[in-house]
Amino acid sequence: MQNSLINFNTDQFAPFTVGFDSLFDKLFDLDTSSTGYPPYDIIKTQENSYTIEMALAGFSKNDIKIETSDGVLTIKSTKKNTDSGGKNETVHKGISQRNFMRKFTLSDDIIVKSADMENGMLSIRLERVLPDHKKPKLIQIK
């Protein structure tokens, strides 16, 4: 069975994508190694505000590293897998604490405002900040 994206013609969008040359490269660069872990939601909280919520049961804020670089927000675990070494033996391990890395491509006008970790839920607040030259303006007809 052939992949239908191979025959996808991106030229049909050219009139609508001025300045987004690398957009299609990122859009159709399929990452087949993604495992879906950890689960996350992206919520639009206001007109120009968003929150990424990520379920991280078993992790503390010291186990997570968040960084931005070149328009990419990266969230990864830094927790070392350790055995309890005590007298308790785990019969079933259902809470996953495996290492992970999630990447989100951000628009040029999106900034990370803050990050909080509470009750196993990581919340990262983002805000869209439009510079004056990108804000809509009325053009006078002479």
Protein backbone atom coordinates (compact mmCIF):
# COMPACT_ATOMS: atom_id res chain seq x y z
CA MET A 1 0.00 0.00 0.00
CA GLN A 2 1.42 3.38 -0.98
CA ASN A 3 1.54 6.33 1.36
CA SER A 4 -0.89 8.98 0.07
CA LEU A 5 1.38 11.79 1.30
CA ILE A 6 4.03 10.86 -1.25
CA ASN A 7 1.78 12.08 -4.06
CA PHE A 8 0.54 15.15 -2.15
CA ASN A 9 1.08 18.31 -4.21
CA THR A 10 2.09 21.16 -1.90
CA ASP A 11 2.21 23.60 -4.84
CA GLN A 12 -1.56 24.00 -4.68
CA PHE A 13 -1.11 25.89 -1.40
CA ALA A 14 1.64 28.20 -2.71
CA PRO A 15 -0.61 31.28 -3.12
CA PHE A 16 -1.61 31.03 0.54
CA THR A 17 1.78 30.32 2.14
CA VAL A 18 4.08 33.20 1.33
CA GLY A 19 7.08 33.05 3.66
CA PHE A 20 6.32 29.56 4.97
CA ASP A 21 8.80 27.62 2.83
CA SER A 22 9.82 25.28 5.64
CA LEU A 23 6.25 24.76 6.88
CA PHE A 24 5.58 21.90 4.49
CA ASP A 25 8.93 20.32 5.28
CA LYS A 26 7.98 20.20 8.97
CA LEU A 27 4.37 19.24 8.28
CA PHE A 28 5.22 16.23 6.14
CA ASP A 29 8.30 15.11 8.07
CA LEU A 30 6.54 12.19 9.70
CA ASP A 31 8.11 11.06 12.97
CA THR A 32 7.36 7.36 13.16
CA SER A 33 9.27 7.01 16.44
CA SER A 34 6.62 8.91 18.44
CA THR A 35 5.12 6.70 21.13
CA GLY A 36 2.31 8.96 22.31
CA TYR A 37 3.87 9.13 25.77
CA PRO A 38 3.28 11.18 27.79
CA PRO A 39 -0.27 12.23 26.94
CA TYR A 40 -0.93 15.95 26.58
CA ASP A 41 -3.64 18.52 25.77
CA ILE A 42 -3.27 21.90 24.10
CA ILE A 43 -5.93 24.32 25.33
CA LYS A 44 -6.74 27.78 23.97
CA THR A 45 -7.50 29.72 27.16
CA GLN A 46 -7.97 33.20 25.64
CA GLU A 47 -7.67 34.82 22.22
CA ASN A 48 -3.85 34.88 22.40
CA SER A 49 -3.15 32.45 25.25
CA TYR A 50 -2.61 28.70 25.22
CA THR A 51 -1.76 26.04 27.77
CA ILE A 52 -0.06 22.73 27.18
CA GLU A 53 -1.06 20.24 29.88
CA MET A 54 0.97 17.05 30.16
CA ALA A 55 0.14 14.12 32.46
CA LEU A 56 3.34 13.17 34.30
CA ALA A 57 2.32 10.91 37.19
CA GLY A 58 5.31 9.84 39.24
CA PHE A 59 7.55 12.72 38.12
CA SER A 60 8.49 15.77 40.16
CA LYS A 61 9.45 19.18 38.82
CA ASN A 62 13.10 18.25 39.40
CA ASP A 63 12.71 15.31 36.97
CA ILE A 64 11.61 17.51 34.03
CA LYS A 65 13.64 19.82 31.80
CA ILE A 66 11.90 22.41 29.59
CA GLU A 67 13.76 24.48 27.00
CA THR A 68 13.09 26.52 23.88
CA SER A 69 15.44 26.88 20.96
CA ASP A 70 14.88 27.95 17.35
CA GLY A 71 11.09 27.97 17.73
CA VAL A 72 10.92 24.49 19.27
CA LEU A 73 9.68 23.83 22.80
CA THR A 74 11.26 20.64 24.17
CA ILE A 75 10.06 18.84 27.29
CA LYS A 76 12.06 15.85 28.50
CA SER A 77 12.52 13.74 31.57
CA THR A 78 15.78 13.62 33.46
CA LYS A 79 14.70 11.03 36.03
CA LYS A 80 17.05 8.16 36.63
CA ASN A 81 15.37 4.76 36.77
CA THR A 82 16.15 3.37 40.19
CA ASP A 83 15.05 0.29 42.07
CA SER A 84 13.62 0.89 45.48
CA GLY A 85 16.23 -1.47 46.94
CA GLY A 86 14.02 -1.80 50.00
CA LYS A 87 12.05 -4.74 51.25
CA ASN A 88 8.99 -3.85 49.10
CA GLU A 89 8.61 -5.69 45.82
CA THR A 90 6.57 -4.20 42.97
CA VAL A 91 4.04 -6.80 41.82
CA HIS A 92 2.64 -4.66 38.96
CA LYS A 93 4.17 -1.49 37.47
CA GLY A 94 1.33 0.46 35.85
CA ILE A 95 2.58 4.01 36.36
CA SER A 96 5.12 4.59 33.63
CA GLN A 97 8.18 6.57 34.54
CA ARG A 98 10.19 5.92 31.42
CA ASN A 99 12.31 8.61 29.86
CA PHE A 100 10.62 10.74 27.22
CA MET A 101 11.10 13.76 24.99
CA ARG A 102 8.25 15.79 23.47
CA LYS A 103 8.80 18.62 20.99
CA PHE A 104 6.35 21.33 19.96
CA THR A 105 7.05 23.73 17.09
CA LEU A 106 6.06 27.25 18.09
CA SER A 107 5.17 30.16 15.87
CA ASP A 108 7.62 33.08 15.85
CA ASP A 109 5.19 35.19 17.87
CA ILE A 110 4.57 32.61 20.65
CA ILE A 111 6.47 33.00 23.92
CA VAL A 112 6.55 30.71 26.96
CA LYS A 113 5.16 32.61 29.94
CA SER A 114 5.50 30.02 32.72
CA ALA A 115 5.47 26.37 33.70
CA ASP A 116 3.93 24.75 36.80
CA MET A 117 3.82 21.20 38.10
CA GLU A 118 0.99 20.21 40.40
CA ASN A 119 -0.45 16.80 41.27
CA GLY A 120 1.37 15.07 38.40
CA MET A 121 0.16 17.59 35.79
CA LEU A 122 2.65 19.85 34.02
CA SER A 123 1.10 23.10 32.73
CA ILE A 124 3.03 25.31 30.33
CA ARG A 125 1.45 28.68 29.56
CA LEU A 126 2.10 30.23 26.16
CA GLU A 127 1.17 33.65 24.85
CA ARG A 128 0.96 35.00 21.34
CA VAL A 129 2.55 38.44 21.22
CA LEU A 130 2.01 40.34 18.00
CA PRO A 131 4.53 43.08 17.26
CA ASP A 132 3.12 46.35 15.93
CA HIS A 133 4.14 45.58 12.35
CA LYS A 134 2.01 42.39 12.41
CA LYS A 135 -1.11 43.95 13.92
CA PRO A 136 -3.92 44.71 11.48
CA LYS A 137 -4.11 48.30 10.34
CA LEU A 138 -6.57 50.20 8.26
CA ILE A 139 -5.25 51.45 4.92
CA GLN A 140 -6.63 54.81 3.79
CA ILE A 141 -7.75 55.06 0.17
CA LYS A 142 -6.59 58.30 -1.48
